Amino acid sequence: MDFNEEKEWAMFVHLISLAGFIIPFGNIIGPVILWSMKKDSSKFVDEHGKESVNFQITITIFAFIFLILSLFCIGIFLLIAETIFMLVCVIWASIEANNGKYFRYPISIRFIK
């Protein structure tokens, strides 16, 4: 696999997380599938895949917490802010991957190392 192809796969690993807006838990399932397909053939895709999966798991945990807080009204604003934050981060990570750079999501818990 040449580096241009690696960059494309790394970008797609981040962008596929947007499937979560259509498919429940698609934000985690999509990156896991793409990452598991290419992690052995590319260290670059492997690193981006781990980052994407870790971030999406973290975001999902926060979303559940914010849903519970929605009972007290503050959670609604936190969910909106989290969604905007997630969109910005995913787009940012996709651009960095396509430029051939490694990316670390802010506030991501490292479940997969």
PDB file of N, CA and C in Angstrom:
ATOM      1  N   MET A   1       0.862  -1.173   0.000  1.00  0.00           N
ATOM      2  CA  MET A   1       0.000   0.000   0.000  1.00  0.00           C
ATOM      3  C   MET A   1       0.909   1.237   0.000  1.00  0.00           C
ATOM      4  N   ASP A   2       0.682   2.136  -0.954  1.00  0.00           N
ATOM      5  CA  ASP A   2       1.492   3.346  -0.981  1.00  0.00           C
ATOM      6  C   ASP A   2       0.947   4.372   0.024  1.00  0.00           C
ATOM      7  N   PHE A   3       1.750   5.404   0.284  1.00  0.00           N
ATOM      8  CA  PHE A   3       1.389   6.348   1.351  1.00  0.00           C
ATOM      9  C   PHE A   3       0.122   7.135   1.038  1.00  0.00           C
ATOM     10  N   ASN A   4      -0.143   7.424  -0.234  1.00  0.00           N
ATOM     11  CA  ASN A   4      -1.386   8.126  -0.586  1.00  0.00           C
ATOM     12  C   ASN A   4      -2.607   7.291  -0.227  1.00  0.00           C
ATOM     13  N   GLU A   5      -2.517   5.999  -0.468  1.00  0.00           N
ATOM     14  CA  GLU A   5      -3.619   5.111  -0.106  1.00  0.00           C
ATOM     15  C   GLU A   5      -3.765   5.023   1.418  1.00  0.00           C
ATOM     16  N   GLU A   6      -2.646   4.986   2.124  1.00  0.00           N
ATOM     17  CA  GLU A   6      -2.678   4.964   3.590  1.00  0.00           C
ATOM     18  C   GLU A   6      -3.354   6.224   4.129  1.00  0.00           C
ATOM     19  N   LYS A   7      -3.018   7.371   3.544  1.00  0.00           N
ATOM     20  CA  LYS A   7      -3.624   8.634   3.991  1.00  0.00           C
ATOM     21  C   LYS A   7      -5.129   8.618   3.767  1.00  0.00           C
ATOM     22  N   GLU A   8      -5.572   8.080   2.642  1.00  0.00           N
ATOM     23  CA  GLU A   8      -7.007   8.006   2.370  1.00  0.00           C
ATOM     24  C   GLU A   8      -7.724   7.108   3.369  1.00  0.00           C
ATOM     25  N   TRP A   9      -7.146   5.932   3.633  1.00  0.00           N
ATOM     26  CA  TRP A   9      -7.759   5.026   4.612  1.00  0.00           C
ATOM     27  C   TRP A   9      -7.796   5.661   6.001  1.00  0.00           C
ATOM     28  N   ALA A  10      -6.730   6.338   6.378  1.00  0.00           N
ATOM     29  CA  ALA A  10      -6.695   7.004   7.686  1.00  0.00           C
ATOM     30  C   ALA A  10      -7.772   8.086   7.759  1.00  0.00           C
ATOM     31  N   MET A  11      -7.957   8.825   6.686  1.00  0.00           N
ATOM     32  CA  MET A  11      -9.000   9.853   6.646  1.00  0.00           C
ATOM     33  C   MET A  11     -10.384   9.213   6.767  1.00  0.00           C
ATOM     34  N   PHE A  12     -10.598   8.113   6.039  1.00  0.00           N
ATOM     35  CA  PHE A  12     -11.900   7.441   6.088  1.00  0.00           C
ATOM     36  C   PHE A  12     -12.202   6.857   7.467  1.00  0.00           C
ATOM     37  N   VAL A  13     -11.153   6.427   8.172  1.00  0.00           N
ATOM     38  CA  VAL A  13     -11.357   5.887   9.532  1.00  0.00           C
ATOM     39  C   VAL A  13     -11.974   6.958  10.435  1.00  0.00           C
ATOM     40  N   HIS A  14     -11.598   8.203  10.220  1.00  0.00           N
ATOM     41  CA  HIS A  14     -12.178   9.293  11.010  1.00  0.00           C
ATOM     42  C   HIS A  14     -13.568   9.661  10.495  1.00  0.00           C
ATOM     43  N   LEU A  15     -13.695   9.806   9.186  1.00  0.00           N
ATOM     44  CA  LEU A  15     -14.965  10.270   8.606  1.00  0.00           C
ATOM     45  C   LEU A  15     -16.110   9.276   8.784  1.00  0.00           C
ATOM     46  N   ILE A  16     -15.796   7.970   8.812  1.00  0.00           N
ATOM     47  CA  ILE A  16     -16.856   6.970   8.945  1.00  0.00           C
ATOM     48  C   ILE A  16     -17.579   7.086  10.287  1.00  0.00           C
ATOM     49  N   SER A  17     -16.946   7.747  11.246  1.00  0.00           N
ATOM     50  CA  SER A  17     -17.599   7.914  12.556  1.00  0.00           C
ATOM     51  C   SER A  17     -18.859   8.779  12.451  1.00  0.00           C
ATOM     52  N   LEU A  18     -18.973   9.553  11.386  1.00  0.00           N
ATOM     53  CA  LEU A  18     -20.168  10.371  11.188  1.00  0.00           C
ATOM     54  C   LEU A  18     -21.393   9.505  10.894  1.00  0.00           C
ATOM     55  N   ALA A  19     -21.176   8.223  10.622  1.00  0.00           N
ATOM     56  CA  ALA A  19     -22.293   7.291  10.432  1.00  0.00           C
ATOM     57  C   ALA A  19     -23.138   7.182  11.699  1.00  0.00           C
ATOM     58  N   GLY A  20     -22.577   7.577  12.821  1.00  0.00           N
ATOM     59  CA  GLY A  20     -23.311   7.552  14.086  1.00  0.00           C
ATOM     60  C   GLY A  20     -24.529   8.459  14.082  1.00  0.00           C
ATOM     61  N   PHE A  21     -24.585   9.411  13.167  1.00  0.00           N
ATOM     62  CA  PHE A  21     -25.763  10.270  13.060  1.00  0.00           C
ATOM     63  C   PHE A  21     -26.917   9.546  12.374  1.00  0.00           C
ATOM     64  N   ILE A  22     -26.606   8.429  11.700  1.00  0.00           N
ATOM     65  CA  ILE A  22     -27.632   7.675  10.977  1.00  0.00           C
ATOM     66  C   ILE A  22     -27.888   6.310  11.624  1.00  0.00           C
ATOM     67  N   ILE A  23     -26.811   5.643  12.017  1.00  0.00           N
ATOM     68  CA  ILE A  23     -26.887   4.291  12.569  1.00  0.00           C
ATOM     69  C   ILE A  23     -26.494   4.335  14.047  1.00  0.00           C
ATOM     70  N   PRO A  24     -27.333   3.795  14.928  1.00  0.00           N
ATOM     71  CA  PRO A  24     -26.940   3.772  16.348  1.00  0.00           C
ATOM     72  C   PRO A  24     -25.591   3.062  16.536  1.00  0.00           C
ATOM     73  N   PHE A  25     -24.709   3.706  17.246  1.00  0.00           N
ATOM     74  CA  PHE A  25     -23.350   3.236  17.525  1.00  0.00           C
ATOM     75  C   PHE A  25     -22.502   3.087  16.262  1.00  0.00           C
ATOM     76  N   GLY A  26     -22.959   3.665  15.157  1.00  0.00           N
ATOM     77  CA  GLY A  26     -22.177   3.670  13.922  1.00  0.00           C
ATOM     78  C   GLY A  26     -20.899   4.456  14.071  1.00  0.00           C
ATOM     79  N   ASN A  27     -20.888   5.389  15.023  1.00  0.00           N
ATOM     80  CA  ASN A  27     -19.679   6.175  15.274  1.00  0.00           C
ATOM     81  C   ASN A  27     -18.543   5.314  15.826  1.00  0.00           C
ATOM     82  N   ILE A  28     -18.880   4.183  16.417  1.00  0.00           N
ATOM     83  CA  ILE A  28     -17.865   3.264  16.932  1.00  0.00           C
ATOM     84  C   ILE A  28     -17.678   2.093  15.967  1.00  0.00           C
ATOM     85  N   ILE A  29     -18.773   1.535  15.486  1.00  0.00           N
ATOM     86  CA  ILE A  29     -18.722   0.347  14.624  1.00  0.00           C
ATOM     87  C   ILE A  29     -17.976   0.630  13.321  1.00  0.00           C
ATOM     88  N   GLY A  30     -18.265   1.774  12.686  1.00  0.00           N
ATOM     89  CA  GLY A  30     -17.611   2.116  11.422  1.00  0.00           C
ATOM     90  C   GLY A  30     -16.099   2.177  11.533  1.00  0.00           C
ATOM     91  N   PRO A  31     -15.570   2.988  12.471  1.00  0.00           N
ATOM     92  CA  PRO A  31     -14.110   3.037  12.617  1.00  0.00           C
ATOM     93  C   PRO A  31     -13.483   1.688  12.992  1.00  0.00           C
ATOM     94  N   VAL A  32     -14.180   0.900  13.821  1.00  0.00           N
ATOM     95  CA  VAL A  32     -13.636  -0.405  14.211  1.00  0.00           C
ATOM     96  C   VAL A  32     -13.500  -1.312  12.987  1.00  0.00           C
ATOM     97  N   ILE A  33     -14.508  -1.308  12.117  1.00  0.00           N
ATOM     98  CA  ILE A  33     -14.462  -2.160  10.924  1.00  0.00           C
ATOM     99  C   ILE A  33     -13.331  -1.738   9.998  1.00  0.00           C
ATOM    100  N   LEU A  34     -13.258  -0.428   9.662  1.00  0.00           N
ATOM    101  CA  LEU A  34     -12.197   0.029   8.762  1.00  0.00           C
ATOM    102  C   LEU A  34     -10.815  -0.169   9.373  1.00  0.00           C
ATOM    103  N   TRP A  35     -10.688   0.147  10.652  1.00  0.00           N
ATOM    104  CA  TRP A  35      -9.396  -0.001  11.330  1.00  0.00           C
ATOM    105  C   TRP A  35      -8.959  -1.472  11.333  1.00  0.00           C
ATOM    106  N   SER A  36      -9.874  -2.381  11.654  1.00  0.00           N
ATOM    107  CA  SER A  36      -9.497  -3.796  11.711  1.00  0.00           C
ATOM    108  C   SER A  36      -9.139  -4.348  10.333  1.00  0.00           C
ATOM    109  N   MET A  37      -9.694  -3.765   9.269  1.00  0.00           N
ATOM    110  CA  MET A  37      -9.362  -4.209   7.913  1.00  0.00           C
ATOM    111  C   MET A  37      -7.941  -3.828   7.516  1.00  0.00           C
ATOM    112  N   LYS A  38      -7.444  -2.693   7.973  1.00  0.00           N
ATOM    113  CA  LYS A  38      -6.173  -2.159   7.478  1.00  0.00           C
ATOM    114  C   LYS A  38      -5.075  -2.014   8.523  1.00  0.00           C
ATOM    115  N   LYS A  39      -5.348  -2.336   9.782  1.00  0.00           N
ATOM    116  CA  LYS A  39      -4.354  -2.083  10.829  1.00  0.00           C
ATOM    117  C   LYS A  39      -3.072  -2.889  10.659  1.00  0.00           C
ATOM    118  N   ASP A  40      -3.162  -4.078  10.086  1.00  0.00           N
ATOM    119  CA  ASP A  40      -1.966  -4.907   9.927  1.00  0.00           C
ATOM    120  C   ASP A  40      -1.124  -4.506   8.721  1.00  0.00           C
ATOM    121  N   SER A  41      -1.736  -3.822   7.759  1.00  0.00           N
ATOM    122  CA  SER A  41      -0.997  -3.470   6.545  1.00  0.00           C
ATOM    123  C   SER A  41      -0.427  -2.047   6.575  1.00  0.00           C
ATOM    124  N   SER A  42      -0.810  -1.256   7.610  1.00  0.00           N
ATOM    125  CA  SER A  42      -0.316   0.120   7.668  1.00  0.00           C
ATOM    126  C   SER A  42      -0.254   0.616   9.102  1.00  0.00           C
ATOM    127  N   LYS A  43       0.934   0.992   9.539  1.00  0.00           N
ATOM    128  CA  LYS A  43       1.099   1.565  10.879  1.00  0.00           C
ATOM    129  C   LYS A  43       0.370   2.906  10.982  1.00  0.00           C
ATOM    130  N   PHE A  44       0.370   3.667   9.891  1.00  0.00           N
ATOM    131  CA  PHE A  44      -0.295   4.975   9.858  1.00  0.00           C
ATOM    132  C   PHE A  44      -1.801   4.822  10.075  1.00  0.00           C
ATOM    133  N   VAL A  45      -2.410   3.887   9.357  1.00  0.00           N
ATOM    134  CA  VAL A  45      -3.850   3.637   9.513  1.00  0.00           C
ATOM    135  C   VAL A  45      -4.132   3.052  10.895  1.00  0.00           C
ATOM    136  N   ASP A  46      -3.235   2.205  11.384  1.00  0.00           N
ATOM    137  CA  ASP A  46      -3.398   1.619  12.718  1.00  0.00           C
ATOM    138  C   ASP A  46      -3.465   2.704  13.786  1.00  0.00           C
ATOM    139  N   GLU A  47      -2.547   3.662  13.730  1.00  0.00           N
ATOM    140  CA  GLU A  47      -2.538   4.742  14.725  1.00  0.00           C
ATOM    141  C   GLU A  47      -3.793   5.612  14.625  1.00  0.00           C
ATOM    142  N   HIS A  48      -4.191   5.967  13.416  1.00  0.00           N
ATOM    143  CA  HIS A  48      -5.393   6.783  13.240  1.00  0.00           C
ATOM    144  C   HIS A  48      -6.641   6.009  13.649  1.00  0.00           C
ATOM    145  N   GLY A  49      -6.663   4.723  13.369  1.00  0.00           N
ATOM    146  CA  GLY A  49      -7.803   3.899  13.760  1.00  0.00           C
ATOM    147  C   GLY A  49      -7.973   3.840  15.268  1.00  0.00           C
ATOM    148  N   LYS A  50      -6.865   3.633  15.973  1.00  0.00           N
ATOM    149  CA  LYS A  50      -6.923   3.612  17.445  1.00  0.00           C
ATOM    150  C   LYS A  50      -7.423   4.947  17.987  1.00  0.00           C
ATOM    151  N   GLU A  51      -6.908   6.027  17.429  1.00  0.00           N
ATOM    152  CA  GLU A  51      -7.330   7.364  17.874  1.00  0.00           C
ATOM    153  C   GLU A  51      -8.822   7.569  17.650  1.00  0.00           C
ATOM    154  N   SER A  52      -9.294   7.199  16.472  1.00  0.00           N
ATOM    155  CA  SER A  52     -10.705   7.399  16.144  1.00  0.00           C
ATOM    156  C   SER A  52     -11.605   6.568  17.052  1.00  0.00           C
ATOM    157  N   VAL A  53     -11.274   5.307  17.229  1.00  0.00           N
ATOM    158  CA  VAL A  53     -12.088   4.424  18.078  1.00  0.00           C
ATOM    159  C   VAL A  53     -12.084   4.919  19.523  1.00  0.00           C
ATOM    160  N   ASN A  54     -10.919   5.258  20.041  1.00  0.00           N
ATOM    161  CA  ASN A  54     -10.846   5.757  21.425  1.00  0.00           C
ATOM    162  C   ASN A  54     -11.682   7.018  21.608  1.00  0.00           C
ATOM    163  N   PHE A  55     -11.588   7.936  20.651  1.00  0.00           N
ATOM    164  CA  PHE A  55     -12.346   9.186  20.758  1.00  0.00           C
ATOM    165  C   PHE A  55     -13.847   8.917  20.686  1.00  0.00           C
ATOM    166  N   GLN A  56     -14.261   8.053  19.803  1.00  0.00           N
ATOM    167  CA  GLN A  56     -15.692   7.791  19.653  1.00  0.00           C
ATOM    168  C   GLN A  56     -16.264   7.063  20.867  1.00  0.00           C
ATOM    169  N   ILE A  57     -15.498   6.181  21.471  1.00  0.00           N
ATOM    170  CA  ILE A  57     -15.948   5.540  22.715  1.00  0.00           C
ATOM    171  C   ILE A  57     -16.076   6.596  23.811  1.00  0.00           C
ATOM    172  N   THR A  58     -15.089   7.477  23.914  1.00  0.00           N
ATOM    173  CA  THR A  58     -15.124   8.556  24.913  1.00  0.00           C
ATOM    174  C   THR A  58     -16.337   9.452  24.698  1.00  0.00           C
ATOM    175  N   ILE A  59     -16.572   9.855  23.457  1.00  0.00           N
ATOM    176  CA  ILE A  59     -17.711  10.727  23.134  1.00  0.00           C
ATOM    177  C   ILE A  59     -19.026  10.045  23.472  1.00  0.00           C
ATOM    178  N   THR A  60     -19.121   8.751  23.212  1.00  0.00           N
ATOM    179  CA  THR A  60     -20.354   8.007  23.511  1.00  0.00           C
ATOM    180  C   THR A  60     -20.602   7.942  25.020  1.00  0.00           C
ATOM    181  N   ILE A  61     -19.557   7.742  25.793  1.00  0.00           N
ATOM    182  CA  ILE A  61     -19.700   7.735  27.260  1.00  0.00           C
ATOM    183  C   ILE A  61     -20.194   9.093  27.739  1.00  0.00           C
ATOM    184  N   PHE A  62     -19.583  10.164  27.235  1.00  0.00           N
ATOM    185  CA  PHE A  62     -20.034  11.507  27.615  1.00  0.00           C
ATOM    186  C   PHE A  62     -21.482  11.749  27.193  1.00  0.00           C
ATOM    187  N   ALA A  63     -21.867  11.256  26.037  1.00  0.00           N
ATOM    188  CA  ALA A  63     -23.242  11.440  25.553  1.00  0.00           C
ATOM    189  C   ALA A  63     -24.239  10.787  26.506  1.00  0.00           C
ATOM    190  N   PHE A  64     -23.924   9.587  27.004  1.00  0.00           N
ATOM    191  CA  PHE A  64     -24.816   8.938  27.965  1.00  0.00           C
ATOM    192  C   PHE A  64     -24.921   9.739  29.260  1.00  0.00           C
ATOM    193  N   ILE A  65     -23.801  10.253  29.715  1.00  0.00           N
ATOM    194  CA  ILE A  65     -23.816  11.086  30.931  1.00  0.00           C
ATOM    195  C   ILE A  65     -24.658  12.340  30.694  1.00  0.00           C
ATOM    196  N   PHE A  66     -24.469  12.977  29.544  1.00  0.00           N
ATOM    197  CA  PHE A  66     -25.222  14.201  29.230  1.00  0.00           C
ATOM    198  C   PHE A  66     -26.707  13.905  29.034  1.00  0.00           C
ATOM    199  N   LEU A  67     -27.033  12.710  28.531  1.00  0.00           N
ATOM    200  CA  LEU A  67     -28.451  12.331  28.418  1.00  0.00           C
ATOM    201  C   LEU A  67     -29.102  12.244  29.795  1.00  0.00           C
ATOM    202  N   ILE A  68     -28.383  11.689  30.743  1.00  0.00           N
ATOM    203  CA  ILE A  68     -28.901  11.619  32.118  1.00  0.00           C
ATOM    204  C   ILE A  68     -29.056  13.024  32.690  1.00  0.00           C
ATOM    205  N   LEU A  69     -28.076  13.882  32.408  1.00  0.00           N
ATOM    206  CA  LEU A  69     -28.147  15.263  32.888  1.00  0.00           C
ATOM    207  C   LEU A  69     -29.243  16.065  32.190  1.00  0.00           C
ATOM    208  N   SER A  70     -29.741  15.557  31.066  1.00  0.00           N
ATOM    209  CA  SER A  70     -30.829  16.237  30.362  1.00  0.00           C
ATOM    210  C   SER A  70     -32.092  16.300  31.214  1.00  0.00           C
ATOM    211  N   LEU A  71     -32.193  15.395  32.151  1.00  0.00           N
ATOM    212  CA  LEU A  71     -33.323  15.439  33.078  1.00  0.00           C
ATOM    213  C   LEU A  71     -33.302  16.720  33.898  1.00  0.00           C
ATOM    214  N   PHE A  72     -32.142  17.329  34.001  1.00  0.00           N
ATOM    215  CA  PHE A  72     -31.980  18.569  34.761  1.00  0.00           C
ATOM    216  C   PHE A  72     -31.725  19.773  33.846  1.00  0.00           C
ATOM    217  N   CYS A  73     -32.032  19.627  32.573  1.00  0.00           N
ATOM    218  CA  CYS A  73     -31.941  20.663  31.536  1.00  0.00           C
ATOM    219  C   CYS A  73     -30.520  20.991  31.075  1.00  0.00           C
ATOM    220  N   ILE A  74     -29.537  20.935  31.937  1.00  0.00           N
ATOM    221  CA  ILE A  74     -28.180  21.303  31.527  1.00  0.00           C
ATOM    222  C   ILE A  74     -27.612  20.328  30.503  1.00  0.00           C
ATOM    223  N   GLY A  75     -28.045  19.087  30.554  1.00  0.00           N
ATOM    224  CA  GLY A  75     -27.532  18.071  29.651  1.00  0.00           C
ATOM    225  C   GLY A  75     -27.825  18.362  28.195  1.00  0.00           C
ATOM    226  N   ILE A  76     -28.921  19.036  27.925  1.00  0.00           N
ATOM    227  CA  ILE A  76     -29.287  19.368  26.542  1.00  0.00           C
ATOM    228  C   ILE A  76     -28.217  20.275  25.935  1.00  0.00           C
ATOM    229  N   PHE A  77     -27.812  21.282  26.667  1.00  0.00           N
ATOM    230  CA  PHE A  77     -26.781  22.199  26.179  1.00  0.00           C
ATOM    231  C   PHE A  77     -25.432  21.486  26.041  1.00  0.00           C
ATOM    232  N   LEU A  78     -25.150  20.586  26.965  1.00  0.00           N
ATOM    233  CA  LEU A  78     -23.899  19.831  26.897  1.00  0.00           C
ATOM    234  C   LEU A  78     -23.890  18.894  25.689  1.00  0.00           C
ATOM    235  N   LEU A  79     -25.035  18.284  25.382  1.00  0.00           N
ATOM    236  CA  LEU A  79     -25.125  17.416  24.203  1.00  0.00           C
ATOM    237  C   LEU A  79     -24.911  18.192  22.910  1.00  0.00           C
ATOM    238  N   ILE A  80     -25.482  19.369  22.834  1.00  0.00           N
ATOM    239  CA  ILE A  80     -25.300  20.209  21.650  1.00  0.00           C
ATOM    240  C   ILE A  80     -23.833  20.604  21.509  1.00  0.00           C
ATOM    241  N   ALA A  81     -23.231  21.026  22.609  1.00  0.00           N
ATOM    242  CA  ALA A  81     -21.818  21.419  22.591  1.00  0.00           C
ATOM    243  C   ALA A  81     -20.927  20.225  22.228  1.00  0.00           C
ATOM    244  N   GLU A  82     -21.249  19.065  22.776  1.00  0.00           N
ATOM    245  CA  GLU A  82     -20.460  17.866  22.493  1.00  0.00           C
ATOM    246  C   GLU A  82     -20.551  17.490  21.013  1.00  0.00           C
ATOM    247  N   THR A  83     -21.722  17.606  20.437  1.00  0.00           N
ATOM    248  CA  THR A  83     -21.912  17.281  19.025  1.00  0.00           C
ATOM    249  C   THR A  83     -21.084  18.209  18.141  1.00  0.00           C
ATOM    250  N   ILE A  84     -21.120  19.486  18.435  1.00  0.00           N
ATOM    251  CA  ILE A  84     -20.324  20.451  17.671  1.00  0.00           C
ATOM    252  C   ILE A  84     -18.832  20.153  17.840  1.00  0.00           C
ATOM    253  N   PHE A  85     -18.415  19.888  19.070  1.00  0.00           N
ATOM    254  CA  PHE A  85     -17.020  19.559  19.368  1.00  0.00           C
ATOM    255  C   PHE A  85     -16.587  18.313  18.599  1.00  0.00           C
ATOM    256  N   MET A  86     -17.428  17.287  18.589  1.00  0.00           N
ATOM    257  CA  MET A  86     -17.114  16.046  17.895  1.00  0.00           C
ATOM    258  C   MET A  86     -16.973  16.283  16.395  1.00  0.00           C
ATOM    259  N   LEU A  87     -17.888  17.048  15.816  1.00  0.00           N
ATOM    260  CA  LEU A  87     -17.817  17.343  14.383  1.00  0.00           C
ATOM    261  C   LEU A  87     -16.529  18.074  14.021  1.00  0.00           C
ATOM    262  N   VAL A  88     -16.189  19.076  14.802  1.00  0.00           N
ATOM    263  CA  VAL A  88     -14.968  19.845  14.552  1.00  0.00           C
ATOM    264  C   VAL A  88     -13.737  18.936  14.653  1.00  0.00           C
ATOM    265  N   CYS A  89     -13.699  18.111  15.687  1.00  0.00           N
ATOM    266  CA  CYS A  89     -12.541  17.229  15.890  1.00  0.00           C
ATOM    267  C   CYS A  89     -12.411  16.189  14.780  1.00  0.00           C
ATOM    268  N   VAL A  90     -13.531  15.608  14.362  1.00  0.00           N
ATOM    269  CA  VAL A  90     -13.487  14.590  13.303  1.00  0.00           C
ATOM    270  C   VAL A  90     -13.016  15.210  11.986  1.00  0.00           C
ATOM    271  N   ILE A  91     -13.515  16.385  11.660  1.00  0.00           N
ATOM    272  CA  ILE A  91     -13.084  17.060  10.434  1.00  0.00           C
ATOM    273  C   ILE A  91     -11.598  17.419  10.523  1.00  0.00           C
ATOM    274  N   TRP A  92     -11.191  17.933  11.665  1.00  0.00           N
ATOM    275  CA  TRP A  92      -9.786  18.287  11.894  1.00  0.00           C
ATOM    276  C   TRP A  92      -8.884  17.054  11.744  1.00  0.00           C
ATOM    277  N   ALA A  93      -9.278  15.945  12.384  1.00  0.00           N
ATOM    278  CA  ALA A  93      -8.490  14.715  12.314  1.00  0.00           C
ATOM    279  C   ALA A  93      -8.429  14.185  10.882  1.00  0.00           C
ATOM    280  N   SER A  94      -9.525  14.277  10.153  1.00  0.00           N
ATOM    281  CA  SER A  94      -9.565  13.817   8.765  1.00  0.00           C
ATOM    282  C   SER A  94      -8.619  14.621   7.882  1.00  0.00           C
ATOM    283  N   ILE A  95      -8.608  15.910   8.083  1.00  0.00           N
ATOM    284  CA  ILE A  95      -7.710  16.779   7.317  1.00  0.00           C
ATOM    285  C   ILE A  95      -6.251  16.457   7.638  1.00  0.00           C
ATOM    286  N   GLU A  96      -5.957  16.291   8.917  1.00  0.00           N
ATOM    287  CA  GLU A  96      -4.580  15.967   9.314  1.00  0.00           C
ATOM    288  C   GLU A  96      -4.141  14.620   8.734  1.00  0.00           C
ATOM    289  N   ALA A  97      -5.035  13.631   8.773  1.00  0.00           N
ATOM    290  CA  ALA A  97      -4.714  12.314   8.220  1.00  0.00           C
ATOM    291  C   ALA A  97      -4.463  12.412   6.721  1.00  0.00           C
ATOM    292  N   ASN A  98      -5.296  13.168   6.034  1.00  0.00           N
ATOM    293  CA  ASN A  98      -5.132  13.322   4.590  1.00  0.00           C
ATOM    294  C   ASN A  98      -3.852  14.086   4.244  1.00  0.00           C
ATOM    295  N   ASN A  99      -3.370  14.891   5.169  1.00  0.00           N
ATOM    296  CA  ASN A  99      -2.099  15.610   4.970  1.00  0.00           C
ATOM    297  C   ASN A  99      -0.890  14.779   5.398  1.00  0.00           C
ATOM    298  N   GLY A 100      -1.147  13.543   5.853  1.00  0.00           N
ATOM    299  CA  GLY A 100      -0.053  12.654   6.229  1.00  0.00           C
ATOM    300  C   GLY A 100       0.495  12.878   7.615  1.00  0.00           C
ATOM    301  N   LYS A 101      -0.278  13.536   8.471  1.00  0.00           N
ATOM    302  CA  LYS A 101       0.166  13.820   9.833  1.00  0.00           C
ATOM    303  C   LYS A 101      -0.593  12.942  10.838  1.00  0.00           C
ATOM    304  N   TYR A 102       0.062  12.672  11.945  1.00  0.00           N
ATOM    305  CA  TYR A 102      -0.612  11.971  13.040  1.00  0.00           C
ATOM    306  C   TYR A 102      -1.450  12.979  13.813  1.00  0.00           C
ATOM    307  N   PHE A 103      -2.520  12.492  14.443  1.00  0.00           N
ATOM    308  CA  PHE A 103      -3.434  13.381  15.156  1.00  0.00           C
ATOM    309  C   PHE A 103      -3.831  12.748  16.473  1.00  0.00           C
ATOM    310  N   ARG A 104      -3.874  13.560  17.516  1.00  0.00           N
ATOM    311  CA  ARG A 104      -4.358  13.130  18.832  1.00  0.00           C
ATOM    312  C   ARG A 104      -5.602  13.938  19.162  1.00  0.00           C
ATOM    313  N   TYR A 105      -6.704  13.238  19.404  1.00  0.00           N
ATOM    314  CA  TYR A 105      -7.927  13.924  19.803  1.00  0.00           C
ATOM    315  C   TYR A 105      -7.775  14.461  21.226  1.00  0.00           C
ATOM    316  N   PRO A 106      -8.284  15.662  21.471  1.00  0.00           N
ATOM    317  CA  PRO A 106      -8.291  16.157  22.855  1.00  0.00           C
ATOM    318  C   PRO A 106      -9.344  15.395  23.663  1.00  0.00           C
ATOM    319  N   ILE A 107      -9.152  15.287  24.919  1.00  0.00           N
ATOM    320  CA  ILE A 107     -10.018  14.629  25.909  1.00  0.00           C
ATOM    321  C   ILE A 107     -10.369  13.175  25.589  1.00  0.00           C
ATOM    322  N   SER A 108      -9.578  12.509  24.811  1.00  0.00           N
ATOM    323  CA  SER A 108      -9.840  11.124  24.465  1.00  0.00           C
ATOM    324  C   SER A 108      -9.221  10.195  25.497  1.00  0.00           C
ATOM    325  N   ILE A 109     -10.015   9.266  25.986  1.00  0.00           N
ATOM    326  CA  ILE A 109      -9.503   8.255  26.910  1.00  0.00           C
ATOM    327  C   ILE A 109      -8.879   7.156  26.070  1.00  0.00           C
ATOM    328  N   ARG A 110      -7.682   6.734  26.409  1.00  0.00           N
ATOM    329  CA  ARG A 110      -6.958   5.729  25.632  1.00  0.00           C
ATOM    330  C   ARG A 110      -7.347   4.317  26.084  1.00  0.00           C
ATOM    331  N   PHE A 111      -8.458   3.814  25.562  1.00  0.00           N
ATOM    332  CA  PHE A 111      -8.894   2.446  25.856  1.00  0.00           C
ATOM    333  C   PHE A 111      -8.026   1.453  25.107  1.00  0.00           C
ATOM    334  N   ILE A 112      -7.717   1.762  23.849  1.00  0.00           N
ATOM    335  CA  ILE A 112      -6.891   0.916  22.995  1.00  0.00           C
ATOM    336  C   ILE A 112      -5.539   1.599  22.848  1.00  0.00           C
ATOM    337  N   LYS A 113      -4.481   0.884  23.169  1.00  0.00           N
ATOM    338  CA  LYS A 113      -3.150   1.501  23.113  1.00  0.00           C
ATOM    339  C   LYS A 113      -2.348   0.957  21.964  1.00  0.00           C
TER     340      LYS A 113
END
